[in-house]
Amino acid sequence: MMTTSEWDKLSERLPLWLEESRRHSVNGAPASYIPELAHAPADALGITIASADGRQLTFGDCGISFTLQSISKVFTLLLALMDQGEEGVFRKVGMEPTGDDFNSMLKLELVEPGIPFNPLINAGAIVISSLIRGQTPAEKTGRILAFFRELTGDPALTWNEQVRASEASTAHRNRSLAYFLKDNRVLDEDVEEVLDVYFRHCSIEATCQHIAKLALVLALGGKDPATGRQLVPRRYVQIAKSFMITCGMYNASGEFAIKVGLPAKSGVAGGILALVPGRYGIGVIGPALNDKGNSVAGVQLLQTMSEACDWSIF
């Protein structure tokens, strides 16, 4: 459980840890393969920590809005599980890390039965987008957006149209993945319609506070922190957290598990969602990325905090 002394320690030392971690931003750069993301301030770093008892700490550049990108994949997985059940989802995607880049199609061709290895790589998340219940892309996207609004408590949450358009116009690799999945009969629906859903949920715009709220719901096993109402079945949250440990930080997931030891999911806009089970939800923004696609300063900050507070779940 959280102790007052730990919260006081965080309140006192987090600003110093944040500024020390910010220096690592020079070792990375904002993503540029989606042109709109390249405009983010490279030296920005912010964090919000939301506690199970309703307290919140916010430091650094938390006023920056950014798109969820791959962070959204955790929650579309949860919604697909709620729509299709485990059997329906895992008939289409696997449960294993790949060891390949998040946008690789290598193992789709080399490893039978040709389904994506897990829901958090791009190929898997595209398939998951097709499993969201709805007759049209607009209906699917509407349900995804409503789900995020419920979990964050923000009815105004929406996607960034400029980022969506930028991503859609440059997503040649994702289109290749989707058409390959269509040819493999893994993807049943119209490719462009599925990709429209995928681009829109990746482009949902949020802040560190939103990410911390989302993380806190996961930290509490799918319960609303304010009311205790079960928003997501606990079993599905368990599945999502398992994927976050094994696949959530791209090809650095193993290193992150060793050095930080928390369930987490990063996005190429520089966001990181992390959680301390039963205690905290954490949202970080640091747009400068390393060569694995993770926030350089954000990972450093989480490592510093986890070591100082002994948060590792291992």
C-alpha atoms as a PDB file:
ATOM      1  CA  MET A   1       0.000   0.000   0.000  1.00  0.00           C
ATOM      2  CA  MET A   2       0.993   3.624  -0.447  1.00  0.00           C
ATOM      3  CA  THR A   3       2.527   5.245   2.622  1.00  0.00           C
ATOM      4  CA  THR A   4       2.490   8.926   3.504  1.00  0.00           C
ATOM      5  CA  SER A   5       6.274   8.895   3.652  1.00  0.00           C
ATOM      6  CA  GLU A   6       6.491   7.538   0.090  1.00  0.00           C
ATOM      7  CA  TRP A   7       4.091  10.197  -1.210  1.00  0.00           C
ATOM      8  CA  ASP A   8       6.043  12.891   0.617  1.00  0.00           C
ATOM      9  CA  LYS A   9       9.267  11.512  -0.876  1.00  0.00           C
ATOM     10  CA  LEU A  10       7.759  11.691  -4.355  1.00  0.00           C
ATOM     11  CA  SER A  11       6.458  15.219  -3.766  1.00  0.00           C
ATOM     12  CA  GLU A  12       9.849  16.394  -2.606  1.00  0.00           C
ATOM     13  CA  ARG A  13      12.227  14.611  -4.952  1.00  0.00           C
ATOM     14  CA  LEU A  14      10.279  14.221  -8.196  1.00  0.00           C
ATOM     15  CA  PRO A  15      11.049  17.745  -9.493  1.00  0.00           C
ATOM     16  CA  LEU A  16      14.779  17.055  -9.091  1.00  0.00           C
ATOM     17  CA  TRP A  17      14.520  13.603 -10.695  1.00  0.00           C
ATOM     18  CA  LEU A  18      12.580  15.116 -13.592  1.00  0.00           C
ATOM     19  CA  GLU A  19      15.186  17.769 -14.325  1.00  0.00           C
ATOM     20  CA  GLU A  20      18.008  15.230 -14.080  1.00  0.00           C
ATOM     21  CA  SER A  21      16.164  12.965 -16.517  1.00  0.00           C
ATOM     22  CA  ARG A  22      15.382  15.826 -18.898  1.00  0.00           C
ATOM     23  CA  ARG A  23      19.100  16.057 -19.721  1.00  0.00           C
ATOM     24  CA  HIS A  24      18.856  12.688 -21.445  1.00  0.00           C
ATOM     25  CA  SER A  25      16.572  14.189 -24.115  1.00  0.00           C
ATOM     26  CA  VAL A  26      19.645  15.223 -26.110  1.00  0.00           C
ATOM     27  CA  ASN A  27      20.221  11.526 -26.816  1.00  0.00           C
ATOM     28  CA  GLY A  28      17.000  11.245 -28.817  1.00  0.00           C
ATOM     29  CA  ALA A  29      14.724  13.086 -31.221  1.00  0.00           C
ATOM     30  CA  PRO A  30      10.961  13.331 -31.873  1.00  0.00           C
ATOM     31  CA  ALA A  31       9.504  10.841 -34.335  1.00  0.00           C
ATOM     32  CA  SER A  32       9.634  12.118 -37.900  1.00  0.00           C
ATOM     33  CA  TYR A  33       8.169   9.257 -39.945  1.00  0.00           C
ATOM     34  CA  ILE A  34       4.774  10.728 -39.071  1.00  0.00           C
ATOM     35  CA  PRO A  35       5.590  14.311 -40.127  1.00  0.00           C
ATOM     36  CA  GLU A  36       3.201  16.003 -37.704  1.00  0.00           C
ATOM     37  CA  LEU A  37       4.967  14.415 -34.703  1.00  0.00           C
ATOM     38  CA  ALA A  38       8.306  15.983 -35.630  1.00  0.00           C
ATOM     39  CA  HIS A  39       7.101  19.391 -34.399  1.00  0.00           C
ATOM     40  CA  ALA A  40       7.059  18.328 -30.717  1.00  0.00           C
ATOM     41  CA  PRO A  41       9.538  20.090 -28.374  1.00  0.00           C
ATOM     42  CA  ALA A  42      12.461  17.702 -28.052  1.00  0.00           C
ATOM     43  CA  ASP A  43      13.468  18.755 -24.529  1.00  0.00           C
ATOM     44  CA  ALA A  44       9.983  18.555 -23.014  1.00  0.00           C
ATOM     45  CA  LEU A  45       9.382  16.212 -20.077  1.00  0.00           C
ATOM     46  CA  GLY A  46       6.339  15.968 -17.834  1.00  0.00           C
ATOM     47  CA  ILE A  47       4.787  13.487 -15.440  1.00  0.00           C
ATOM     48  CA  THR A  48       1.525  12.958 -13.581  1.00  0.00           C
ATOM     49  CA  ILE A  49       1.084  10.369 -10.834  1.00  0.00           C
ATOM     50  CA  ALA A  50      -2.476   9.557  -9.732  1.00  0.00           C
ATOM     51  CA  SER A  51      -2.908   7.581  -6.517  1.00  0.00           C
ATOM     52  CA  ALA A  52      -5.609   5.119  -5.560  1.00  0.00           C
ATOM     53  CA  ASP A  53      -6.777   7.447  -2.755  1.00  0.00           C
ATOM     54  CA  GLY A  54      -7.412  10.358  -5.134  1.00  0.00           C
ATOM     55  CA  ARG A  55      -4.197  12.332  -4.746  1.00  0.00           C
ATOM     56  CA  GLN A  56      -2.237  13.590  -7.743  1.00  0.00           C
ATOM     57  CA  LEU A  57       1.257  14.903  -8.433  1.00  0.00           C
ATOM     58  CA  THR A  58       2.008  16.829 -11.623  1.00  0.00           C
ATOM     59  CA  PHE A  59       5.424  18.184 -12.580  1.00  0.00           C
ATOM     60  CA  GLY A  60       7.192  19.460 -15.669  1.00  0.00           C
ATOM     61  CA  ASP A  61       5.623  19.972 -19.083  1.00  0.00           C
ATOM     62  CA  CYS A  62       2.281  18.332 -18.372  1.00  0.00           C
ATOM     63  CA  GLY A  63       0.377  21.016 -20.224  1.00  0.00           C
ATOM     64  CA  ILE A  64       1.559  19.531 -23.520  1.00  0.00           C
ATOM     65  CA  SER A  65      -1.068  17.623 -25.467  1.00  0.00           C
ATOM     66  CA  PHE A  66       0.103  14.636 -27.476  1.00  0.00           C
ATOM     67  CA  THR A  67      -1.447  11.738 -29.344  1.00  0.00           C
ATOM     68  CA  LEU A  68      -1.704   8.329 -27.756  1.00  0.00           C
ATOM     69  CA  GLN A  69      -0.237   6.428 -30.701  1.00  0.00           C
ATOM     70  CA  SER A  70       0.573   2.887 -29.488  1.00  0.00           C
ATOM     71  CA  ILE A  71      -0.669   3.550 -25.949  1.00  0.00           C
ATOM     72  CA  SER A  72      -4.150   3.295 -27.445  1.00  0.00           C
ATOM     73  CA  LYS A  73      -3.482  -0.339 -28.395  1.00  0.00           C
ATOM     74  CA  VAL A  74      -3.843  -1.471 -24.774  1.00  0.00           C
ATOM     75  CA  PHE A  75      -7.362  -0.121 -24.634  1.00  0.00           C
ATOM     76  CA  THR A  76      -8.540  -1.249 -28.051  1.00  0.00           C
ATOM     77  CA  LEU A  77      -7.365  -4.708 -26.950  1.00  0.00           C
ATOM     78  CA  LEU A  78      -9.517  -4.407 -23.827  1.00  0.00           C
ATOM     79  CA  LEU A  79     -12.526  -3.279 -25.862  1.00  0.00           C
ATOM     80  CA  ALA A  80     -12.045  -6.097 -28.386  1.00  0.00           C
ATOM     81  CA  LEU A  81     -11.874  -8.613 -25.524  1.00  0.00           C
ATOM     82  CA  MET A  82     -15.114  -7.177 -24.135  1.00  0.00           C
ATOM     83  CA  ASP A  83     -16.692  -7.420 -27.613  1.00  0.00           C
ATOM     84  CA  GLN A  84     -15.330 -10.788 -28.795  1.00  0.00           C
ATOM     85  CA  GLY A  85     -14.061 -12.648 -25.725  1.00  0.00           C
ATOM     86  CA  GLU A  86     -10.648 -14.300 -25.437  1.00  0.00           C
ATOM     87  CA  GLU A  87     -11.367 -16.982 -28.026  1.00  0.00           C
ATOM     88  CA  GLY A  88     -12.497 -14.467 -30.625  1.00  0.00           C
ATOM     89  CA  VAL A  89      -9.446 -12.259 -30.126  1.00  0.00           C
ATOM     90  CA  PHE A  90      -6.729 -14.898 -29.868  1.00  0.00           C
ATOM     91  CA  ARG A  91      -7.967 -16.727 -32.916  1.00  0.00           C
ATOM     92  CA  LYS A  92      -6.692 -13.680 -34.824  1.00  0.00           C
ATOM     93  CA  VAL A  93      -3.611 -12.577 -32.834  1.00  0.00           C
ATOM     94  CA  GLY A  94      -1.008 -14.399 -30.774  1.00  0.00           C
ATOM     95  CA  MET A  95       0.327 -13.948 -27.257  1.00  0.00           C
ATOM     96  CA  GLU A  96       4.105 -13.793 -27.775  1.00  0.00           C
ATOM     97  CA  PRO A  97       6.794 -11.096 -28.105  1.00  0.00           C
ATOM     98  CA  THR A  98       8.349 -10.917 -31.565  1.00  0.00           C
ATOM     99  CA  GLY A  99      11.887  -9.636 -31.134  1.00  0.00           C
ATOM    100  CA  ASP A 100      11.253  -7.591 -34.298  1.00  0.00           C
ATOM    101  CA  ASP A 101      10.449  -3.930 -34.877  1.00  0.00           C
ATOM    102  CA  PHE A 102       6.878  -2.892 -34.068  1.00  0.00           C
ATOM    103  CA  ASN A 103       6.079  -2.375 -37.756  1.00  0.00           C
ATOM    104  CA  SER A 104       7.806  -5.511 -39.080  1.00  0.00           C
ATOM    105  CA  MET A 105       6.013  -8.002 -41.288  1.00  0.00           C
ATOM    106  CA  LEU A 106       8.852 -10.557 -41.278  1.00  0.00           C
ATOM    107  CA  LYS A 107       7.254 -13.214 -39.081  1.00  0.00           C
ATOM    108  CA  LEU A 108       3.852 -12.878 -40.704  1.00  0.00           C
ATOM    109  CA  GLU A 109       5.357 -14.601 -43.701  1.00  0.00           C
ATOM    110  CA  LEU A 110       7.855 -16.912 -42.010  1.00  0.00           C
ATOM    111  CA  VAL A 111       5.863 -18.312 -39.065  1.00  0.00           C
ATOM    112  CA  GLU A 112       2.626 -20.244 -39.429  1.00  0.00           C
ATOM    113  CA  PRO A 113      -0.299 -19.640 -39.111  1.00  0.00           C
ATOM    114  CA  GLY A 114       0.592 -16.121 -40.247  1.00  0.00           C
ATOM    115  CA  ILE A 115      -1.263 -14.196 -37.551  1.00  0.00           C
ATOM    116  CA  PRO A 116       0.393 -11.264 -35.724  1.00  0.00           C
ATOM    117  CA  PHE A 117       2.445 -12.393 -32.733  1.00  0.00           C
ATOM    118  CA  ASN A 118       0.668 -10.058 -30.283  1.00  0.00           C
ATOM    119  CA  PRO A 119      -1.865  -7.197 -30.143  1.00  0.00           C
ATOM    120  CA  LEU A 120       0.673  -4.441 -29.401  1.00  0.00           C
ATOM    121  CA  ILE A 121       2.698  -4.573 -32.611  1.00  0.00           C
ATOM    122  CA  ASN A 122       1.203  -2.667 -35.535  1.00  0.00           C
ATOM    123  CA  ALA A 123      -0.032  -5.758 -37.390  1.00  0.00           C
ATOM    124  CA  GLY A 124      -1.751  -7.034 -34.249  1.00  0.00           C
ATOM    125  CA  ALA A 125      -3.313  -3.690 -33.421  1.00  0.00           C
ATOM    126  CA  ILE A 126      -4.676  -3.380 -36.968  1.00  0.00           C
ATOM    127  CA  VAL A 127      -6.355  -6.766 -36.562  1.00  0.00           C
ATOM    128  CA  ILE A 128      -7.675  -5.737 -33.134  1.00  0.00           C
ATOM    129  CA  SER A 129      -9.163  -2.596 -34.728  1.00  0.00           C
ATOM    130  CA  SER A 130     -11.154  -4.863 -37.042  1.00  0.00           C
ATOM    131  CA  LEU A 131     -12.586  -6.752 -34.056  1.00  0.00           C
ATOM    132  CA  ILE A 132     -14.216  -3.724 -32.422  1.00  0.00           C
ATOM    133  CA  ARG A 133     -17.980  -4.111 -32.736  1.00  0.00           C
ATOM    134  CA  GLY A 134     -19.674  -1.752 -35.191  1.00  0.00           C
ATOM    135  CA  GLN A 135     -21.133  -1.741 -38.695  1.00  0.00           C
ATOM    136  CA  THR A 136     -19.059   1.174 -39.991  1.00  0.00           C
ATOM    137  CA  PRO A 137     -15.682   2.759 -39.204  1.00  0.00           C
ATOM    138  CA  ALA A 138     -17.538   5.705 -37.681  1.00  0.00           C
ATOM    139  CA  GLU A 139     -19.477   3.418 -35.340  1.00  0.00           C
ATOM    140  CA  LYS A 140     -16.321   1.546 -34.300  1.00  0.00           C
ATOM    141  CA  THR A 141     -14.402   4.769 -33.746  1.00  0.00           C
ATOM    142  CA  GLY A 142     -17.308   6.238 -31.817  1.00  0.00           C
ATOM    143  CA  ARG A 143     -17.322   3.274 -29.447  1.00  0.00           C
ATOM    144  CA  ILE A 144     -13.547   3.482 -28.967  1.00  0.00           C
ATOM    145  CA  LEU A 145     -13.745   7.197 -28.220  1.00  0.00           C
ATOM    146  CA  ALA A 146     -16.629   6.657 -25.793  1.00  0.00           C
ATOM    147  CA  PHE A 147     -14.560   3.999 -24.003  1.00  0.00           C
ATOM    148  CA  PHE A 148     -11.619   6.382 -23.575  1.00  0.00           C
ATOM    149  CA  ARG A 149     -13.939   9.147 -22.389  1.00  0.00           C
ATOM    150  CA  GLU A 150     -15.446   6.842 -19.782  1.00  0.00           C
ATOM    151  CA  LEU A 151     -12.061   5.692 -18.492  1.00  0.00           C
ATOM    152  CA  THR A 152     -10.585   9.212 -18.315  1.00  0.00           C
ATOM    153  CA  GLY A 153     -13.755  10.960 -17.189  1.00  0.00           C
ATOM    154  CA  ASP A 154     -13.286  13.533 -19.962  1.00  0.00           C
ATOM    155  CA  PRO A 155     -16.264  13.815 -22.364  1.00  0.00           C
ATOM    156  CA  ALA A 156     -14.326  16.241 -24.582  1.00  0.00           C
ATOM    157  CA  LEU A 157     -11.528  13.801 -25.441  1.00  0.00           C
ATOM    158  CA  THR A 158     -11.117  13.422 -29.212  1.00  0.00           C
ATOM    159  CA  TRP A 159      -8.509  12.787 -31.880  1.00  0.00           C
ATOM    160  CA  ASN A 160      -6.110  15.255 -33.476  1.00  0.00           C
ATOM    161  CA  GLU A 161      -7.183  15.554 -37.096  1.00  0.00           C
ATOM    162  CA  GLN A 162      -3.822  16.926 -38.279  1.00  0.00           C
ATOM    163  CA  VAL A 163      -1.938  13.957 -36.831  1.00  0.00           C
ATOM    164  CA  ARG A 164      -4.527  11.507 -38.180  1.00  0.00           C
ATOM    165  CA  ALA A 165      -4.202  12.933 -41.667  1.00  0.00           C
ATOM    166  CA  SER A 166      -0.401  12.998 -41.427  1.00  0.00           C
ATOM    167  CA  GLU A 167      -0.312   9.377 -40.315  1.00  0.00           C
ATOM    168  CA  ALA A 168      -2.801   8.230 -42.962  1.00  0.00           C
ATOM    169  CA  SER A 169      -0.886   9.906 -45.787  1.00  0.00           C
ATOM    170  CA  THR A 170       2.476   8.335 -44.869  1.00  0.00           C
ATOM    171  CA  ALA A 171       1.409   4.900 -43.583  1.00  0.00           C
ATOM    172  CA  HIS A 172       2.799   2.850 -46.441  1.00  0.00           C
ATOM    173  CA  ARG A 173       4.224   0.139 -44.155  1.00  0.00           C
ATOM    174  CA  ASN A 174       0.955  -0.180 -42.236  1.00  0.00           C
ATOM    175  CA  ARG A 175      -0.964  -0.481 -45.486  1.00  0.00           C
ATOM    176  CA  SER A 176       1.423  -3.204 -46.587  1.00  0.00           C
ATOM    177  CA  LEU A 177       0.872  -5.039 -43.294  1.00  0.00           C
ATOM    178  CA  ALA A 178      -2.901  -4.721 -43.599  1.00  0.00           C
ATOM    179  CA  TYR A 179      -3.058  -5.955 -47.190  1.00  0.00           C
ATOM    180  CA  PHE A 180      -0.771  -8.865 -46.316  1.00  0.00           C
ATOM    181  CA  LEU A 181      -3.126  -9.747 -43.438  1.00  0.00           C
ATOM    182  CA  LYS A 182      -6.048  -9.489 -45.840  1.00  0.00           C
ATOM    183  CA  ASP A 183      -4.318 -11.846 -48.260  1.00  0.00           C
ATOM    184  CA  ASN A 184      -3.669 -14.264 -45.378  1.00  0.00           C
ATOM    185  CA  ARG A 185      -7.397 -14.150 -44.532  1.00  0.00           C
ATOM    186  CA  VAL A 186      -6.574 -12.825 -41.059  1.00  0.00           C
ATOM    187  CA  LEU A 187      -8.237  -9.513 -41.845  1.00  0.00           C
ATOM    188  CA  ASP A 188     -11.808  -9.960 -43.072  1.00  0.00           C
ATOM    189  CA  GLU A 189     -12.971  -6.369 -43.488  1.00  0.00           C
ATOM    190  CA  ASP A 190     -12.126  -3.669 -46.021  1.00  0.00           C
ATOM    191  CA  VAL A 191      -8.494  -2.688 -45.470  1.00  0.00           C
ATOM    192  CA  GLU A 192      -8.934   1.075 -45.774  1.00  0.00           C
ATOM    193  CA  GLU A 193     -11.900   1.040 -43.389  1.00  0.00           C
ATOM    194  CA  VAL A 194      -9.920  -0.887 -40.773  1.00  0.00           C
ATOM    195  CA  LEU A 195      -6.954   1.435 -41.179  1.00  0.00           C
ATOM    196  CA  ASP A 196      -9.209   4.460 -40.720  1.00  0.00           C
ATOM    197  CA  VAL A 197     -10.237   3.092 -37.306  1.00  0.00           C
ATOM    198  CA  TYR A 198      -6.599   2.349 -36.452  1.00  0.00           C
ATOM    199  CA  PHE A 199      -5.315   5.804 -37.428  1.00  0.00           C
ATOM    200  CA  ARG A 200      -8.065   7.536 -35.473  1.00  0.00           C
ATOM    201  CA  HIS A 201      -7.518   5.723 -32.186  1.00  0.00           C
ATOM    202  CA  CYS A 202      -3.742   6.245 -32.478  1.00  0.00           C
ATOM    203  CA  SER A 203      -4.443   9.969 -32.978  1.00  0.00           C
ATOM    204  CA  ILE A 204      -6.553  10.482 -29.852  1.00  0.00           C
ATOM    205  CA  GLU A 205      -5.110  13.550 -28.128  1.00  0.00           C
ATOM    206  CA  ALA A 206      -4.365  13.413 -24.409  1.00  0.00           C
ATOM    207  CA  THR A 207      -2.290  14.862 -21.584  1.00  0.00           C
ATOM    208  CA  CYS A 208      -0.242  13.272 -18.813  1.00  0.00           C
ATOM    209  CA  GLN A 209      -3.302  13.569 -16.579  1.00  0.00           C
ATOM    210  CA  HIS A 210      -5.392  11.507 -19.002  1.00  0.00           C
ATOM    211  CA  ILE A 211      -2.671   8.854 -19.213  1.00  0.00           C
ATOM    212  CA  ALA A 212      -2.350   8.670 -15.433  1.00  0.00           C
ATOM    213  CA  LYS A 213      -6.118   8.170 -15.109  1.00  0.00           C
ATOM    214  CA  LEU A 214      -6.087   5.402 -17.700  1.00  0.00           C
ATOM    215  CA  ALA A 215      -3.160   3.774 -15.920  1.00  0.00           C
ATOM    216  CA  LEU A 216      -4.868   4.008 -12.540  1.00  0.00           C
ATOM    217  CA  VAL A 217      -7.902   2.110 -13.844  1.00  0.00           C
ATOM    218  CA  LEU A 218      -5.513  -0.682 -14.876  1.00  0.00           C
ATOM    219  CA  ALA A 219      -3.644  -0.465 -11.571  1.00  0.00           C
ATOM    220  CA  LEU A 220      -6.950  -1.029  -9.758  1.00  0.00           C
ATOM    221  CA  GLY A 221      -7.872  -4.081 -11.820  1.00  0.00           C
ATOM    222  CA  GLY A 222     -10.335  -2.274 -14.098  1.00  0.00           C
ATOM    223  CA  LYS A 223     -12.220  -0.344 -11.418  1.00  0.00           C
ATOM    224  CA  ASP A 224     -13.239   3.291 -11.522  1.00  0.00           C
ATOM    225  CA  PRO A 225     -10.953   5.002  -8.979  1.00  0.00           C
ATOM    226  CA  ALA A 226     -13.749   7.320  -7.821  1.00  0.00           C
ATOM    227  CA  THR A 227     -16.698   4.917  -7.542  1.00  0.00           C
ATOM    228  CA  GLY A 228     -15.172   1.447  -7.418  1.00  0.00           C
ATOM    229  CA  ARG A 229     -17.395   0.383 -10.319  1.00  0.00           C
ATOM    230  CA  GLN A 230     -15.890  -2.366 -12.495  1.00  0.00           C
ATOM    231  CA  LEU A 231     -15.334  -0.679 -15.867  1.00  0.00           C
ATOM    232  CA  VAL A 232     -13.336  -3.521 -17.437  1.00  0.00           C
ATOM    233  CA  PRO A 233     -13.388  -7.199 -16.398  1.00  0.00           C
ATOM    234  CA  ARG A 234     -10.421  -7.944 -14.155  1.00  0.00           C
ATOM    235  CA  ARG A 235      -9.378 -10.930 -16.292  1.00  0.00           C
ATOM    236  CA  TYR A 236      -9.017  -8.716 -19.361  1.00  0.00           C
ATOM    237  CA  VAL A 237      -6.948  -6.177 -17.419  1.00  0.00           C
ATOM    238  CA  GLN A 238      -4.697  -9.045 -16.338  1.00  0.00           C
ATOM    239  CA  ILE A 239      -4.204  -9.992 -19.993  1.00  0.00           C
ATOM    240  CA  ALA A 240      -3.437  -6.388 -20.971  1.00  0.00           C
ATOM    241  CA  LYS A 241      -0.907  -5.946 -18.166  1.00  0.00           C
ATOM    242  CA  SER A 242       0.820  -9.183 -19.168  1.00  0.00           C
ATOM    243  CA  PHE A 243       1.240  -7.869 -22.708  1.00  0.00           C
ATOM    244  CA  MET A 244       2.523  -4.560 -21.334  1.00  0.00           C
ATOM    245  CA  ILE A 245       5.279  -6.366 -19.430  1.00  0.00           C
ATOM    246  CA  THR A 246       6.312  -8.573 -22.355  1.00  0.00           C
ATOM    247  CA  CYS A 247       5.671  -6.283 -25.353  1.00  0.00           C
ATOM    248  CA  GLY A 248       4.748  -2.796 -24.129  1.00  0.00           C
ATOM    249  CA  MET A 249       8.080  -1.052 -24.679  1.00  0.00           C
ATOM    250  CA  TYR A 250       8.774  -2.379 -28.184  1.00  0.00           C
ATOM    251  CA  ASN A 251      12.121  -4.181 -28.514  1.00  0.00           C
ATOM    252  CA  ALA A 252      13.272  -2.744 -25.186  1.00  0.00           C
ATOM    253  CA  SER A 253      10.546  -4.506 -23.184  1.00  0.00           C
ATOM    254  CA  GLY A 254      12.950  -6.971 -21.581  1.00  0.00           C
ATOM    255  CA  GLU A 255      15.415  -4.262 -20.617  1.00  0.00           C
ATOM    256  CA  PHE A 256      12.590  -2.124 -19.230  1.00  0.00           C
ATOM    257  CA  ALA A 257      11.291  -5.059 -17.179  1.00  0.00           C
ATOM    258  CA  ILE A 258      14.727  -5.541 -15.649  1.00  0.00           C
ATOM    259  CA  LYS A 259      15.511  -1.869 -15.006  1.00  0.00           C
ATOM    260  CA  VAL A 260      12.030  -0.556 -14.135  1.00  0.00           C
ATOM    261  CA  GLY A 261       9.894  -3.636 -13.521  1.00  0.00           C
ATOM    262  CA  LEU A 262       6.464  -2.088 -14.105  1.00  0.00           C
ATOM    263  CA  PRO A 263       3.711  -2.756 -16.666  1.00  0.00           C
ATOM    264  CA  ALA A 264       4.022   0.027 -19.225  1.00  0.00           C
ATOM    265  CA  LYS A 265       3.140   1.036 -22.770  1.00  0.00           C
ATOM    266  CA  SER A 266       4.888   3.661 -24.835  1.00  0.00           C
ATOM    267  CA  GLY A 267       3.850   5.579 -27.931  1.00  0.00           C
ATOM    268  CA  VAL A 268       5.943   7.259 -30.615  1.00  0.00           C
ATOM    269  CA  ALA A 269       4.591  10.701 -29.723  1.00  0.00           C
ATOM    270  CA  GLY A 270       6.701  10.318 -26.562  1.00  0.00           C
ATOM    271  CA  GLY A 271       4.030   9.231 -24.111  1.00  0.00           C
ATOM    272  CA  ILE A 272       4.457   6.409 -21.608  1.00  0.00           C
ATOM    273  CA  LEU A 273       1.694   4.863 -19.534  1.00  0.00           C
ATOM    274  CA  ALA A 274       2.948   2.961 -16.481  1.00  0.00           C
ATOM    275  CA  LEU A 275       1.375   1.630 -13.316  1.00  0.00           C
ATOM    276  CA  VAL A 276       2.243   0.417  -9.864  1.00  0.00           C
ATOM    277  CA  PRO A 277      -0.361  -2.310  -9.238  1.00  0.00           C
ATOM    278  CA  GLY A 278      -2.949  -1.332  -6.648  1.00  0.00           C
ATOM    279  CA  ARG A 279      -1.333   2.040  -6.003  1.00  0.00           C
ATOM    280  CA  TYR A 280      -0.515   4.435  -8.819  1.00  0.00           C
ATOM    281  CA  GLY A 281      -1.250   5.331 -12.396  1.00  0.00           C
ATOM    282  CA  ILE A 282       1.545   7.217 -14.134  1.00  0.00           C
ATOM    283  CA  GLY A 283       1.506   9.330 -17.298  1.00  0.00           C
ATOM    284  CA  VAL A 284       4.741  10.626 -18.834  1.00  0.00           C
ATOM    285  CA  ILE A 285       5.469  12.756 -21.894  1.00  0.00           C
ATOM    286  CA  GLY A 286       8.945  13.133 -23.376  1.00  0.00           C
ATOM    287  CA  PRO A 287       8.924  13.484 -27.187  1.00  0.00           C
ATOM    288  CA  ALA A 288      12.635  12.729 -27.767  1.00  0.00           C
ATOM    289  CA  LEU A 289      12.789   9.015 -28.639  1.00  0.00           C
ATOM    290  CA  ASN A 290      15.617   6.489 -28.617  1.00  0.00           C
ATOM    291  CA  ASP A 291      16.260   4.062 -31.458  1.00  0.00           C
ATOM    292  CA  LYS A 292      13.670   1.643 -30.036  1.00  0.00           C
ATOM    293  CA  GLY A 293      10.884   4.260 -30.211  1.00  0.00           C
ATOM    294  CA  ASN A 294      10.661   4.982 -26.475  1.00  0.00           C
ATOM    295  CA  SER A 295      10.998   8.336 -24.715  1.00  0.00           C
ATOM    296  CA  VAL A 296      14.652   8.671 -23.656  1.00  0.00           C
ATOM    297  CA  ALA A 297      14.025  10.983 -20.715  1.00  0.00           C
ATOM    298  CA  GLY A 298      10.737   9.307 -19.816  1.00  0.00           C
ATOM    299  CA  VAL A 299      12.322   5.883 -19.447  1.00  0.00           C
ATOM    300  CA  GLN A 300      15.150   7.385 -17.379  1.00  0.00           C
ATOM    301  CA  LEU A 301      12.655   9.095 -15.073  1.00  0.00           C
ATOM    302  CA  LEU A 302      10.642   5.923 -14.550  1.00  0.00           C
ATOM    303  CA  GLN A 303      13.809   3.960 -13.826  1.00  0.00           C
ATOM    304  CA  THR A 304      14.950   6.524 -11.260  1.00  0.00           C
ATOM    305  CA  MET A 305      11.563   6.501  -9.511  1.00  0.00           C
ATOM    306  CA  SER A 306      11.226   2.727  -9.512  1.00  0.00           C
ATOM    307  CA  GLU A 307      14.694   2.219  -8.056  1.00  0.00           C
ATOM    308  CA  ALA A 308      14.230   4.906  -5.384  1.00  0.00           C
ATOM    309  CA  CYS A 309      10.784   3.662  -4.326  1.00  0.00           C
ATOM    310  CA  ASP A 310      11.374  -0.098  -4.865  1.00  0.00           C
ATOM    311  CA  TRP A 311       8.408  -0.416  -7.238  1.00  0.00           C
ATOM    312  CA  SER A 312       9.528  -3.332  -9.391  1.00  0.00           C
ATOM    313  CA  ILE A 313       6.940  -6.127  -9.424  1.00  0.00           C
ATOM    314  CA  PHE A 314       9.677  -8.731  -9.832  1.00  0.00           C
END
